[in-house]
Amino acid sequence: MSTNELEKKPSGGNPFQRLNQQLAGIEPGLDPITMTIGEPRHEPPSFVIEVLDENQAGFRKYPAIRGTDEFRAAVGTWLKGRFGLSDAFDPDKSVIPLNGSREGLVFGCISARDYLQKTGAKPAAILPNPFYQSYGAGAHIAGADEILLPEPADGVLPDLDAIDPELLDRTVAFYFASPANPQGTVAPIEYLQQLIKLARKHNFMVFADECYSEIYRKTPPTGILEAAEALDGTLKNVVAFNSLSKRSNLPGARCGFAAGDPDFIQFFADFRNVAAPQVPLPIQALAVRAFGVEEHVVENRRLYNEKYDAAEEILSPLFGSVRKDGSFFLWLDVSRWGSGTEVTEKLWREVGLKVLPGAYIAADMPDGTNPGDKYIRLALVESLEVSKEAFRRILDSLE
């Protein structure tokens, strides 16, 4: 697989703005149901107001860029418990707070470029396709070629052996998500370790987007730090990004973390100290509390799985199994009825259901194909009752 075969074209802008433009002037057939944005709507933990109230004085202070001792310790304890990390994992050296994982995923690419100090050919960043637009933003700001690595089929991971070694030599950041958005694919530990070995051989950073790590059906997904430690006891060349948004239904808190290679994390913290805002102290206190308890996380996962059960019951006669190993999206192949954009318009016009065309969260390959073209994405963030109604409307429109 050569560099030229993978190089990406512009992604076409914000997918939700594109959708609004597409549907402008079209009246919905029924009262609208919107399932486009992956914005969690389950109840946040009951202790949110209590913690913020107890720590409100912290809003009068500038926080340290590396976060509070309590924040780093809480994240470290959670990572050790969730992913079985060893006592050698030192959160004081390997954890920093972020204003949500998106900020870190973007700024991280700039730091990777400067940290690795590769010379010669133009740096590259490898992105999955479909992909989260912030990956591309990070590559763009870092001045790196954005290289697409498409999923060859739904649920099939890209072939790492097929990537040109010359491309890997100039790569500074390899973005990877497990569970994937939107496909819900979960990578096994062997695949993650293969990626880590490539990162160390060719000296690039693996940026593992693990925002959906706690949204899964049965088996907790393996994390990149877990895979790295199991490989050789170190975290060299790997960074995990996570947040409170999906795990704790707190997207508005804008609080996440980066954890991994201690040398890179310290370099990244120094860059953020002049380029990025700190996380407010009361928000860090909220994170300490949230990462210290699991009851609300278990309940959150139960609610999503309940909706997957309903989707499986209602939609599988038409689509086959729609259940995904992780995340909270449905990724439906609608090619029998047209492209994803055509079916999106049909569902809005006929039954008032707003979904996202798969092509809007993917990019065209050099041969003109788009791996998201035949799909639509539904975010299962509404209540069970509203979700069931949405599933029934799909049947009404497509059967």
Protein backbone atom coordinates (compact mmCIF):
# COMPACT_ATOMS: atom_id res chain seq x y z
CA MET A 1 0.00 0.00 0.00
CA SER A 2 1.88 3.09 -1.17
CA THR A 3 1.73 6.60 0.22
CA ASN A 4 -0.01 7.81 -2.93
CA GLU A 5 -2.71 5.16 -2.53
CA LEU A 6 -3.47 6.35 0.99
CA GLU A 7 -3.22 10.12 0.74
CA LYS A 8 -6.40 11.85 1.72
CA LYS A 9 -8.47 14.53 0.06
CA PRO A 10 -10.12 17.31 2.08
CA SER A 11 -12.91 15.95 4.23
CA GLY A 12 -15.45 18.58 3.26
CA GLY A 13 -15.97 20.42 6.55
CA ASN A 14 -18.10 19.88 9.60
CA PRO A 15 -20.41 16.87 9.01
CA PHE A 16 -23.33 18.39 10.90
CA GLN A 17 -23.18 21.64 8.94
CA ARG A 18 -23.13 19.62 5.74
CA LEU A 19 -26.20 17.71 6.93
CA ASN A 20 -28.07 20.90 7.77
CA GLN A 21 -27.32 22.23 4.30
CA GLN A 22 -28.49 18.99 2.71
CA LEU A 23 -31.82 18.98 4.56
CA ALA A 24 -32.48 22.71 4.35
CA GLY A 25 -35.94 23.43 2.95
CA ILE A 26 -37.15 19.83 3.29
CA GLU A 27 -40.10 19.42 5.63
CA PRO A 28 -39.91 16.38 7.92
CA GLY A 29 -42.64 13.81 7.37
CA LEU A 30 -43.33 13.42 11.12
CA ASP A 31 -42.37 15.18 14.33
CA PRO A 32 -38.56 15.15 14.18
CA ILE A 33 -36.34 12.69 16.01
CA THR A 34 -32.64 13.58 15.88
CA MET A 35 -30.01 10.85 16.21
CA THR A 36 -27.03 12.58 14.64
CA ILE A 37 -24.69 13.92 17.33
CA GLY A 38 -23.02 11.61 19.84
CA GLU A 39 -23.88 13.85 22.77
CA PRO A 40 -24.68 11.74 25.86
CA ARG A 41 -28.12 12.47 27.31
CA HIS A 42 -28.29 10.02 30.18
CA GLU A 43 -28.31 11.60 33.61
CA PRO A 44 -24.90 12.73 34.89
CA PRO A 45 -23.77 11.51 38.33
CA SER A 46 -25.81 12.82 41.24
CA PHE A 47 -22.77 14.29 42.98
CA VAL A 48 -21.89 16.88 40.30
CA ILE A 49 -23.41 19.94 41.97
CA GLU A 50 -22.18 18.90 45.39
CA VAL A 51 -18.56 18.60 44.24
CA LEU A 52 -18.61 21.85 42.28
CA ASP A 53 -20.15 23.68 45.23
CA GLU A 54 -17.54 22.34 47.63
CA ASN A 55 -14.74 23.43 45.30
CA GLN A 56 -16.11 26.68 43.87
CA ALA A 57 -13.27 28.72 45.38
CA GLY A 58 -11.00 27.02 42.88
CA PHE A 59 -12.57 29.05 40.07
CA ARG A 60 -10.57 32.04 41.43
CA LYS A 61 -7.21 30.33 40.79
CA TYR A 62 -5.07 29.51 37.78
CA PRO A 63 -4.50 25.74 37.84
CA ALA A 64 -1.15 24.12 37.13
CA ILE A 65 -0.95 22.72 33.61
CA ARG A 66 -0.01 19.27 34.93
CA GLY A 67 -3.10 19.15 37.11
CA THR A 68 -3.53 18.55 40.80
CA ASP A 69 -1.85 15.70 42.63
CA GLU A 70 -5.32 14.34 43.38
CA PHE A 71 -6.34 14.39 39.71
CA ARG A 72 -3.27 12.50 38.52
CA ALA A 73 -3.59 10.00 41.36
CA ALA A 74 -7.30 9.38 40.65
CA VAL A 75 -6.69 8.81 36.95
CA GLY A 76 -3.73 6.57 37.74
CA THR A 77 -5.76 4.48 40.17
CA TRP A 78 -8.57 4.13 37.63
CA LEU A 79 -6.19 3.15 34.84
CA LYS A 80 -4.50 0.54 37.03
CA GLY A 81 -7.84 -0.92 38.08
CA ARG A 82 -9.49 -0.82 34.66
CA PHE A 83 -6.54 -1.94 32.53
CA GLY A 84 -4.47 -3.90 35.01
CA LEU A 85 -1.44 -1.62 34.80
CA SER A 86 1.49 -2.45 37.05
CA ASP A 87 2.68 -0.47 40.06
CA ALA A 88 5.48 0.82 37.83
CA PHE A 89 2.91 3.13 36.18
CA ASP A 90 3.61 6.58 37.65
CA PRO A 91 0.73 9.01 37.12
CA ASP A 92 2.88 11.96 38.18
CA LYS A 93 5.00 11.37 35.08
CA SER A 94 2.50 9.76 32.74
CA VAL A 95 -0.82 11.63 33.21
CA ILE A 96 -1.92 15.19 32.41
CA PRO A 97 -5.43 16.70 32.39
CA LEU A 98 -7.03 17.98 29.20
CA ASN A 99 -10.01 20.15 28.36
CA GLY A 100 -11.71 17.12 26.89
CA SER A 101 -9.86 14.56 24.78
CA ARG A 102 -10.43 16.49 21.54
CA GLU A 103 -8.07 19.26 22.60
CA GLY A 104 -5.35 16.72 23.32
CA LEU A 105 -5.85 14.81 20.09
CA VAL A 106 -5.37 18.04 18.11
CA PHE A 107 -2.45 19.56 20.03
CA GLY A 108 -0.82 16.17 20.43
CA CYS A 109 0.10 15.99 16.75
CA ILE A 110 2.08 19.25 16.97
CA SER A 111 3.94 17.93 20.00
CA ALA A 112 4.60 14.59 18.30
CA ARG A 113 6.16 16.38 15.33
CA ASP A 114 8.45 18.44 17.55
CA TYR A 115 9.19 15.68 20.04
CA LEU A 116 10.28 13.14 17.43
CA GLN A 117 12.33 15.67 15.42
CA LYS A 118 12.23 13.68 12.20
CA THR A 119 14.20 15.20 9.35
CA GLY A 120 13.98 14.83 5.61
CA ALA A 121 10.58 14.01 4.12
CA LYS A 122 7.43 15.87 5.12
CA PRO A 123 5.86 14.43 8.31
CA ALA A 124 2.72 12.34 8.03
CA ALA A 125 -0.21 11.49 10.31
CA ILE A 126 -2.19 8.31 9.69
CA LEU A 127 -5.95 8.47 10.26
CA PRO A 128 -8.66 5.80 10.19
CA ASN A 129 -11.33 6.27 7.55
CA PRO A 130 -14.12 6.90 8.64
CA PHE A 131 -12.55 9.19 11.22
CA TYR A 132 -13.15 11.80 13.91
CA GLN A 133 -12.55 15.18 12.26
CA SER A 134 -10.26 16.35 15.07
CA TYR A 135 -7.62 13.87 13.95
CA GLY A 136 -7.43 15.67 10.64
CA ALA A 137 -7.34 19.03 12.39
CA GLY A 138 -4.31 17.91 14.40
CA ALA A 139 -2.51 16.75 11.27
CA HIS A 140 -3.39 19.97 9.45
CA ILE A 141 -2.13 22.25 12.22
CA ALA A 142 1.06 20.21 12.51
CA GLY A 143 1.69 20.59 8.77
CA ALA A 144 1.60 16.82 8.28
CA ASP A 145 0.26 14.90 5.31
CA GLU A 146 -3.08 13.37 6.28
CA ILE A 147 -2.98 9.71 5.29
CA LEU A 148 -6.15 7.63 5.24
CA LEU A 149 -6.26 4.01 6.36
CA PRO A 150 -9.74 2.74 5.49
CA GLU A 151 -11.48 -0.13 7.23
CA PRO A 152 -11.75 -2.65 4.36
CA ALA A 153 -15.15 -3.96 5.51
CA ASP A 154 -17.46 -3.33 8.42
CA GLY A 155 -15.77 -4.71 11.52
CA VAL A 156 -12.54 -5.64 9.71
CA LEU A 157 -9.44 -3.83 10.99
CA PRO A 158 -6.99 -2.30 8.50
CA ASP A 159 -4.06 -4.46 7.44
CA LEU A 160 -1.04 -2.98 9.23
CA ASP A 161 1.36 -5.18 7.26
CA ALA A 162 0.25 -3.50 4.04
CA ILE A 163 1.44 -0.01 5.01
CA ASP A 164 4.51 1.22 3.15
CA PRO A 165 7.52 1.26 5.53
CA GLU A 166 8.68 4.54 3.96
CA LEU A 167 5.38 6.09 5.01
CA LEU A 168 5.80 4.79 8.55
CA ASP A 169 9.31 6.24 8.67
CA ARG A 170 7.94 9.77 8.18
CA THR A 171 4.83 9.25 10.33
CA VAL A 172 4.70 11.26 13.55
CA ALA A 173 1.21 10.31 14.76
CA PHE A 174 -0.95 7.26 14.13
CA TYR A 175 -4.52 7.92 15.27
CA PHE A 176 -6.46 4.83 16.29
CA ALA A 177 -9.80 4.39 18.06
CA SER A 178 -11.02 1.28 19.87
CA PRO A 179 -13.98 1.04 20.17
CA ALA A 180 -14.13 2.79 16.82
CA ASN A 181 -16.46 5.66 15.99
CA PRO A 182 -18.73 4.92 14.15
CA GLN A 183 -18.18 1.22 13.47
CA GLY A 184 -17.94 0.04 17.09
CA THR A 185 -15.03 -2.24 16.19
CA VAL A 186 -12.88 -3.35 19.13
CA ALA A 187 -9.23 -4.21 18.49
CA PRO A 188 -7.80 -7.34 20.16
CA ILE A 189 -4.58 -7.07 22.15
CA GLU A 190 -2.58 -8.78 19.40
CA TYR A 191 -3.53 -6.08 16.91
CA LEU A 192 -2.68 -3.30 19.34
CA GLN A 193 0.69 -4.86 20.06
CA GLN A 194 1.44 -5.16 16.35
CA LEU A 195 0.74 -1.43 16.04
CA ILE A 196 2.96 -0.66 19.05
CA LYS A 197 5.83 -2.67 17.56
CA LEU A 198 5.54 -0.68 14.33
CA ALA A 199 5.54 2.57 16.32
CA ARG A 200 8.75 1.62 18.06
CA LYS A 201 10.43 0.32 14.94
CA HIS A 202 9.60 3.43 12.89
CA ASN A 203 9.54 5.91 15.81
CA PHE A 204 6.04 7.40 15.69
CA MET A 205 3.44 8.04 18.39
CA VAL A 206 0.28 5.96 18.63
CA PHE A 207 -2.58 8.22 19.71
CA ALA A 208 -5.27 5.87 21.02
CA ASP A 209 -8.68 7.53 21.23
CA GLU A 210 -10.37 5.51 23.99
CA CYS A 211 -13.34 7.78 24.71
CA TYR A 212 -15.76 4.85 24.28
CA SER A 213 -13.72 2.42 26.38
CA GLU A 214 -16.50 2.10 28.98
CA ILE A 215 -19.36 1.79 26.48
CA TYR A 216 -19.33 -1.87 25.48
CA ARG A 217 -21.70 -4.82 25.29
CA LYS A 218 -20.06 -7.59 27.35
CA THR A 219 -16.26 -7.62 27.35
CA PRO A 220 -14.24 -4.56 28.41
CA PRO A 221 -12.06 -3.50 25.46
CA THR A 222 -8.31 -3.83 25.80
CA GLY A 223 -6.52 -0.47 26.17
CA ILE A 224 -3.34 0.65 24.42
CA LEU A 225 -1.49 1.09 27.75
CA GLU A 226 -2.50 -2.40 28.80
CA ALA A 227 -1.23 -3.79 25.50
CA ALA A 228 2.06 -1.88 25.75
CA GLU A 229 2.80 -2.97 29.31
CA ALA A 230 2.05 -6.58 28.44
CA LEU A 231 4.46 -6.34 25.53
CA ASP A 232 7.60 -5.21 27.36
CA GLY A 233 6.63 -3.40 30.55
CA THR A 234 7.00 0.11 29.06
CA LEU A 235 4.70 2.72 27.54
CA LYS A 236 7.17 3.97 24.94
CA ASN A 237 5.53 5.57 21.87
CA VAL A 238 1.93 5.22 23.09
CA VAL A 239 -0.59 7.68 24.52
CA ALA A 240 -4.22 7.01 25.50
CA PHE A 241 -6.81 9.79 25.43
CA ASN A 242 -10.00 9.54 27.46
CA SER A 243 -12.54 11.81 29.13
CA LEU A 244 -15.60 12.11 31.33
CA SER A 245 -17.88 12.87 28.38
CA LYS A 246 -19.03 9.37 27.42
CA ARG A 247 -18.03 7.44 30.56
CA SER A 248 -19.82 9.74 33.02
CA ASN A 249 -22.29 11.64 30.78
CA LEU A 250 -20.40 14.90 31.36
CA PRO A 251 -19.63 16.31 27.90
CA GLY A 252 -20.16 19.84 29.22
CA ALA A 253 -17.46 19.47 31.88
CA ARG A 254 -14.80 19.37 29.14
CA CYS A 255 -12.44 17.26 31.18
CA GLY A 256 -10.23 14.45 29.99
CA PHE A 257 -6.67 13.21 30.18
CA ALA A 258 -3.70 11.99 28.21
CA ALA A 259 -1.72 9.08 29.67
CA GLY A 260 1.23 7.12 28.41
CA ASP A 261 4.88 7.49 27.43
CA PRO A 262 6.28 9.59 30.31
CA ASP A 263 8.88 11.37 28.18
CA PHE A 264 6.30 12.42 25.61
CA ILE A 265 3.75 13.38 28.27
CA GLN A 266 6.22 15.77 29.91
CA PHE A 267 7.12 17.27 26.52
CA PHE A 268 3.42 17.60 25.72
CA ALA A 269 2.75 19.28 29.08
CA ASP A 270 5.45 21.85 28.40
CA PHE A 271 3.86 22.64 25.03
CA ARG A 272 0.39 22.92 26.54
CA ASN A 273 1.76 25.24 29.22
CA VAL A 274 2.09 27.97 26.58
CA ALA A 275 -0.52 26.87 24.03
CA ALA A 276 -3.57 25.47 25.86
CA PRO A 277 -5.82 26.48 28.75
CA GLN A 278 -5.63 24.66 32.06
CA VAL A 279 -8.49 22.56 33.40
CA PRO A 280 -10.33 24.47 36.18
CA LEU A 281 -9.69 23.16 39.68
CA PRO A 282 -13.38 22.45 40.48
CA ILE A 283 -13.64 20.41 37.28
CA GLN A 284 -10.56 18.43 38.25
CA ALA A 285 -12.16 17.78 41.66
CA LEU A 286 -15.26 16.51 39.86
CA ALA A 287 -13.07 14.18 37.81
CA VAL A 288 -11.42 12.85 40.95
CA ARG A 289 -14.85 11.92 42.30
CA ALA A 290 -16.10 10.52 38.98
CA PHE A 291 -13.08 8.29 38.35
CA GLY A 292 -13.36 7.00 41.89
CA VAL A 293 -16.78 5.40 41.49
CA GLU A 294 -18.21 2.97 38.95
CA GLU A 295 -21.91 2.69 39.80
CA HIS A 296 -23.00 5.42 37.39
CA VAL A 297 -20.77 3.95 34.67
CA VAL A 298 -22.36 0.52 35.03
CA GLU A 299 -25.84 2.04 34.86
CA ASN A 300 -24.88 4.12 31.84
CA ARG A 301 -23.65 1.03 30.02
CA ARG A 302 -26.84 -0.87 30.94
CA LEU A 303 -28.99 1.84 29.36
CA TYR A 304 -27.03 1.75 26.11
CA ASN A 305 -27.13 -2.03 25.98
CA GLU A 306 -30.88 -1.91 26.52
CA LYS A 307 -31.18 0.21 23.39
CA TYR A 308 -28.94 -2.14 21.43
CA ASP A 309 -31.22 -5.00 22.46
CA ALA A 310 -34.19 -3.07 21.10
CA ALA A 311 -32.34 -2.23 17.88
CA GLU A 312 -31.43 -5.87 17.41
CA GLU A 313 -35.02 -6.97 17.90
CA ILE A 314 -36.58 -4.38 15.61
CA LEU A 315 -33.95 -3.87 12.90
CA SER A 316 -32.19 -7.22 12.51
CA PRO A 317 -34.95 -8.68 10.27
CA LEU A 318 -34.12 -5.93 7.79
CA PHE A 319 -30.35 -5.45 8.29
CA GLY A 320 -29.09 -8.59 9.98
CA SER A 321 -27.39 -8.14 13.34
CA VAL A 322 -26.86 -4.47 14.18
CA ARG A 323 -25.16 -4.99 17.53
CA LYS A 324 -21.63 -3.60 17.85
CA ASP A 325 -18.96 -4.62 20.35
CA GLY A 326 -18.47 -1.08 21.60
CA SER A 327 -19.56 2.60 21.48
CA PHE A 328 -23.18 3.80 21.22
CA PHE A 329 -23.75 4.06 17.47
CA LEU A 330 -25.60 2.06 14.85
CA TRP A 331 -23.68 1.84 11.57
CA LEU A 332 -26.24 0.65 9.05
CA ASP A 333 -25.53 -0.47 5.50
CA VAL A 334 -28.38 1.08 3.49
CA SER A 335 -26.96 0.44 0.01
CA ARG A 336 -30.06 -1.56 -1.01
CA TRP A 337 -32.02 1.70 -0.95
CA GLY A 338 -29.35 4.10 -2.24
CA SER A 339 -26.34 5.93 -0.87
CA GLY A 340 -26.18 7.03 2.75
CA THR A 341 -26.87 10.63 1.75
CA GLU A 342 -29.90 9.60 -0.31
CA VAL A 343 -31.33 7.45 2.47
CA THR A 344 -30.69 10.22 5.01
CA GLU A 345 -32.83 12.58 2.95
CA LYS A 346 -35.50 9.89 2.46
CA LEU A 347 -35.78 9.22 6.20
CA TRP A 348 -36.10 12.93 6.97
CA ARG A 349 -38.66 13.61 4.27
CA GLU A 350 -40.81 10.53 4.89
CA VAL A 351 -40.63 9.89 8.64
CA GLY A 352 -38.87 12.89 10.24
CA LEU A 353 -35.81 10.90 11.35
CA LYS A 354 -32.52 12.79 11.22
CA VAL A 355 -29.44 10.57 10.87
CA LEU A 356 -25.90 11.24 9.68
CA PRO A 357 -24.67 10.03 6.26
CA GLY A 358 -21.59 7.87 6.67
CA ALA A 359 -19.83 9.73 3.87
CA TYR A 360 -19.83 12.89 5.99
CA ILE A 361 -17.56 11.32 8.60
CA ALA A 362 -15.26 9.72 6.05
CA ALA A 363 -13.22 11.09 3.16
CA ASP A 364 -12.85 10.17 -0.49
CA MET A 365 -9.94 7.91 -1.35
CA PRO A 366 -7.72 8.63 -4.38
CA ASP A 367 -9.85 6.28 -6.50
CA GLY A 368 -12.93 8.37 -5.70
CA THR A 369 -14.59 5.85 -3.38
CA ASN A 370 -15.74 6.79 0.10
CA PRO A 371 -15.81 3.98 2.71
CA GLY A 372 -18.77 5.60 4.46
CA ASP A 373 -20.89 6.13 1.37
CA LYS A 374 -23.24 3.18 1.85
CA TYR A 375 -23.83 3.75 5.57
CA ILE A 376 -25.84 5.92 7.91
CA ARG A 377 -24.92 6.52 11.55
CA LEU A 378 -27.39 6.74 14.42
CA ALA A 379 -26.31 7.88 17.87
CA LEU A 380 -28.27 5.95 20.53
CA VAL A 381 -28.39 8.87 22.96
CA GLU A 382 -32.16 9.30 23.18
CA SER A 383 -34.36 7.43 25.64
CA LEU A 384 -35.31 3.81 25.03
CA GLU A 385 -38.84 4.84 24.03
CA VAL A 386 -37.67 7.46 21.52
CA SER A 387 -35.06 5.06 20.16
CA LYS A 388 -37.65 2.35 19.58
CA GLU A 389 -39.83 4.85 17.73
CA ALA A 390 -36.84 5.79 15.56
CA PHE A 391 -36.17 2.14 14.73
CA ARG A 392 -39.81 1.60 13.77
CA ARG A 393 -39.70 4.65 11.51
CA ILE A 394 -36.73 3.17 9.67
CA LEU A 395 -38.81 0.07 8.99
CA ASP A 396 -41.75 2.18 7.85
CA SER A 397 -39.59 4.03 5.37
CA LEU A 398 -37.36 1.23 4.06
CA GLU A 399 -39.42 -1.99 4.22
